[in-house]
Protein backbone atom coordinates (compact mmCIF):
# COMPACT_ATOMS: atom_id res chain seq x y z
CA PRO A 1 258.30 100.99 81.76
CA GLY A 2 257.34 104.74 82.48
CA PHE A 3 253.94 106.46 84.43
CA ASN A 4 255.20 104.86 87.37
CA VAL A 5 253.16 106.16 90.43
CA LEU A 6 255.46 108.30 92.52
CA VAL A 7 253.21 108.63 95.37
CA ARG A 8 249.82 108.53 96.81
CA SER A 9 247.85 109.80 99.49
CA PRO A 10 246.69 107.77 101.29
CA PRO A 11 249.39 105.23 100.38
CA ASP A 12 248.50 102.30 98.47
CA ALA A 13 249.53 98.94 96.86
CA MET A 14 249.53 101.32 93.40
CA VAL A 15 253.09 103.17 94.80
CA GLY A 16 255.76 102.36 92.38
CA LYS A 17 253.66 100.59 90.02
CA THR A 18 252.83 101.64 86.10
CA ILE A 19 249.38 103.00 85.20
CA ILE A 20 250.15 102.07 81.71
CA GLY A 21 246.75 100.61 80.34
CA THR A 22 244.45 102.50 82.60
CA GLU A 23 242.24 105.26 81.89
CA MET A 24 244.26 107.42 83.45
CA HIS A 25 247.38 107.12 81.51
CA ARG A 26 244.98 107.24 78.66
CA ALA A 27 244.08 110.71 79.68
CA PHE A 28 247.59 111.68 80.38
CA ALA A 29 248.66 110.71 77.05
CA GLN A 30 245.90 112.08 75.00
CA GLY A 31 245.86 115.66 76.75
CA ASP A 32 247.39 118.52 75.52
CA GLY A 33 249.36 119.40 79.05
CA ALA A 34 246.31 121.82 80.57
CA THR A 35 244.92 121.03 83.19
CA SER A 36 241.88 119.08 82.79
CA VAL A 37 238.51 117.21 84.61
CA GLU A 38 237.59 114.09 83.48
CA SER A 39 235.49 111.08 85.03
CA PHE A 40 237.08 107.40 84.62
CA GLY A 41 237.88 104.62 86.59
CA GLY A 42 240.82 106.18 88.29
CA LEU A 43 243.31 103.19 89.40
CA GLY A 44 241.21 101.19 91.21
CA SER A 45 237.37 100.01 90.71
CA VAL A 46 235.57 102.82 92.05
CA ARG A 47 234.69 105.55 89.53
CA ARG A 48 236.21 108.88 90.31
CA ILE A 49 236.31 112.74 88.93
CA ASN A 50 239.80 113.33 88.28
CA ALA A 51 241.64 116.47 87.99
CA LEU A 52 244.51 116.20 85.91
CA ALA A 53 247.75 118.47 85.69
CA ARG A 54 251.18 118.05 83.90
CA ILE A 55 253.94 119.67 86.46
CA GLY A 56 256.92 120.10 84.01
CA LYS A 57 259.78 118.20 82.02
CA VAL A 58 263.29 117.78 82.48
CA GLY A 59 265.04 116.07 79.79
CA GLU A 60 262.69 112.98 78.88
CA VAL A 61 261.54 112.76 82.80
CA GLY A 62 257.98 114.70 83.01
CA GLY A 63 255.55 114.13 85.59
CA TYR A 64 251.73 114.65 86.41
CA VAL A 65 249.58 115.32 88.92
CA ALA A 66 246.09 113.68 89.74
CA VAL A 67 243.77 114.45 92.44
CA SER A 68 240.51 112.87 92.44
CA THR A 69 237.24 112.40 94.47
CA PRO A 70 234.74 109.35 94.21
CA GLU A 71 232.45 110.02 91.68
CA SER A 72 229.26 108.81 93.82
CA MET A 73 230.65 111.64 96.30
CA VAL A 74 230.48 114.19 94.00
CA ILE A 75 226.83 113.44 92.39
CA ALA A 76 225.82 113.00 96.35
CA LEU A 77 226.53 116.32 97.17
CA ALA A 78 225.33 117.78 93.71
CA ASN A 79 222.19 115.80 94.14
CA GLN A 80 221.79 117.67 97.67
CA VAL A 81 222.50 120.87 96.72
CA LEU A 82 219.93 120.42 94.08
CA ILE A 83 217.24 119.01 96.35
CA SER A 84 218.06 121.81 98.52
CA GLY A 85 217.36 123.97 95.85
CA LEU A 86 213.97 122.59 94.62
CA LEU A 87 212.76 122.34 98.10
CA ALA A 88 213.16 126.13 98.52
CA LEU A 89 211.89 126.67 95.54
CA LEU A 90 209.03 125.04 96.12
CA LEU A 91 208.42 126.46 99.65
CA ALA A 92 208.56 129.92 97.69
CA ILE A 93 206.48 128.75 95.35
CA GLY A 94 204.02 127.39 98.08
CA ALA A 95 204.24 130.83 99.69
CA MET A 96 203.51 132.90 96.93
CA ALA A 97 200.37 130.73 95.60
CA ALA A 98 198.99 130.92 99.49
CA ILE A 99 199.36 134.69 99.04
CA MET A 100 197.62 135.06 96.14
CA PHE A 101 194.87 132.80 96.95
CA ILE A 102 194.12 134.61 100.40
CA GLY A 103 194.75 137.84 98.47
CA GLY A 104 192.50 136.63 95.69
CA HIS A 105 189.98 135.09 98.27
CA THR A 106 189.60 138.40 99.90
CA LEU A 107 189.30 140.69 97.09
CA VAL A 108 186.51 138.46 95.37
CA LEU A 109 184.72 138.45 99.04
CA LYS A 110 185.16 142.37 99.08
CA ARG A 111 183.32 142.63 95.48
CA VAL A 112 180.59 140.53 96.33
CA GLY A 113 179.68 141.98 99.81
CA ALA A 114 180.05 145.51 97.93
CA LEU A 115 177.28 144.01 95.34
CA LEU A 116 175.07 142.45 98.32
CA ALA A 117 175.29 145.87 99.97
CA ALA A 118 174.17 147.74 97.03
CA THR A 119 171.17 145.06 96.47
CA ARG A 120 170.32 146.18 99.45
CA ARG A 121 170.04 149.64 99.52
CA ILE A 122 168.36 149.47 95.95
CA ALA A 123 165.51 147.22 98.00
CA ALA A 124 165.36 149.56 100.45
CA GLY A 125 164.42 152.42 98.23
CA ASP A 126 167.64 154.38 97.31
CA LEU A 127 167.62 154.01 93.51
CA THR A 128 170.40 156.15 92.93
CA THR A 129 173.05 153.70 94.44
CA ARG A 130 175.61 152.74 92.56
CA ILE A 131 178.95 150.57 92.66
CA PRO A 132 182.76 151.64 91.62
CA VAL A 133 183.78 149.59 88.73
CA SER A 134 187.04 148.17 88.57
CA SER A 135 189.37 148.46 85.16
CA ASP A 136 190.84 145.10 85.59
CA GLY A 137 188.70 143.68 82.66
CA SER A 138 187.62 140.91 84.70
CA GLU A 139 184.30 138.83 85.14
CA PHE A 140 183.07 141.03 88.10
CA SER A 141 184.01 144.24 86.36
CA VAL A 142 181.65 143.26 83.54
CA LEU A 143 179.02 142.32 86.64
CA GLU A 144 179.75 145.33 88.14
CA ASN A 145 178.84 147.30 84.92
CA ALA A 146 175.78 145.39 84.45
CA PHE A 147 174.38 145.91 88.03
CA ASN A 148 174.92 149.48 87.47
CA ASP A 149 172.97 149.76 84.00
CA MET A 150 170.14 147.82 85.64
CA ALA A 151 170.23 150.08 88.95
CA HIS A 152 170.14 153.19 86.52
CA SER A 153 167.35 151.35 84.26
CA ASN A 154 165.57 150.73 87.11
CA GLU A 155 165.69 154.58 88.80
CA LEU A 156 164.28 155.37 85.07
CA ASN A 157 161.49 153.47 85.21
CA PHE A 158 160.37 154.23 89.09
CA GLY A 159 160.34 157.75 88.18
CA LYS A 160 157.94 156.93 85.10
CA ILE A 161 155.84 155.00 87.28
CA ASN A 162 155.54 157.54 90.14
CA GLN A 163 154.39 160.10 87.15
CA LEU A 164 152.08 157.79 85.62
CA ASN A 165 150.70 157.64 89.62
CA ARG A 166 150.67 160.99 90.55
CA VAL A 167 148.88 161.92 86.61
CA TYR A 168 146.24 159.11 87.81
CA ALA A 169 146.16 160.46 91.09
CA VAL A 170 145.00 163.64 89.74
CA LEU A 171 142.47 162.54 87.40
CA THR A 172 140.88 160.54 90.25
CA GLU A 173 140.16 163.42 92.41
CA ILE A 174 139.02 165.83 89.76
CA ASN A 175 136.61 163.34 88.47
CA GLY A 176 135.14 163.38 92.23
CA ALA A 177 135.45 167.26 92.40
CA ILE A 178 133.12 167.01 89.10
CA LEU A 179 130.60 164.86 91.13
CA ARG A 180 130.61 167.29 93.87
CA ILE A 181 131.10 170.58 92.55
CA ARG A 182 128.20 172.22 90.11
CA GLU A 183 129.76 175.70 89.66
CA ALA A 184 132.46 175.97 86.90
CA GLY A 185 134.44 178.72 88.61
CA ALA A 186 134.52 176.30 91.75
CA LEU A 187 135.23 173.33 90.21
CA ALA A 188 138.16 175.02 88.11
CA ALA A 189 139.69 175.87 91.25
CA GLU A 190 139.28 172.65 92.87
CA ALA A 191 140.71 170.93 90.04
CA CYS A 192 143.99 173.47 90.17
CA ASP A 193 144.65 172.84 93.33
CA ILE A 194 144.23 169.02 93.28
CA SER A 195 146.91 169.35 90.50
CA VAL A 196 149.37 171.07 92.92
CA LYS A 197 148.98 169.38 95.87
CA THR A 198 148.24 165.56 94.89
CA GLY A 199 150.04 165.93 91.49
CA GLY A 200 152.92 167.71 92.69
CA TYR A 201 153.05 170.41 89.50
CA LEU A 202 154.65 173.99 90.87
CA THR A 203 151.51 175.45 89.04
CA ALA A 204 148.15 174.45 87.24
CA ALA A 205 145.64 176.69 85.17
CA ILE A 206 142.30 176.08 83.35
CA ILE A 207 141.80 178.39 80.22
CA MET A 208 138.20 178.81 79.44
CA TYR A 209 137.33 179.89 75.75
CA ASP A 210 134.68 182.24 75.38
CA LYS A 211 133.90 182.25 71.47
CA ASP A 212 131.76 185.01 71.61
CA ALA A 213 134.55 187.37 73.30
CA THR A 214 137.71 188.50 72.06
CA LYS A 215 139.84 187.37 74.68
CA SER A 216 140.37 183.51 76.49
CA ARG A 217 139.80 184.26 80.52
CA LEU A 218 141.45 182.06 83.32
CA ALA A 219 138.91 179.86 85.03
CA GLY A 220 140.85 178.77 87.65
């Protein structure tokens, strides 16, 4: 009747029998003679992946070659390769995550440590302390900028307070000198000395104006 099985390896009961009516026959009959790979039941009950090819035709006699392997084996092998690839991918992602976590944790600790160290220096009296600001645009860079702004403001305010304290100290000592010294020239000289020594000014002078004189005169 045609389409008889010439040989099979390993040999089985299909040798010498026709494949007409099987899915393999349908695949050969519908094929265009080119090599193809298809999945169907094959010649037995086990579903297989089949590679089909026509091997030529002499007169009315032609032949086909079919090579197959159980579909379950192909799927199992594909699954094994897929699982191995997924495991490798997961391991790579895990390693990258660990590196990023450790690196990020170290960076955060380093920047927090810099802030704490700068705070301690300011508390110890070094009001010129500033910290480097990163350019990554993160929340930490905002915090670093805010810290430096605060330190600058504190330095300016402290300078103003020191200046006011010096002025207050000068005025207090001059008031004391007024109570002790009755002679005008000596009082003026003492006031100038207090302004330089206590106030920290480079020079100090008191100018006396005499309305009956044509010029002012230096009192101290």
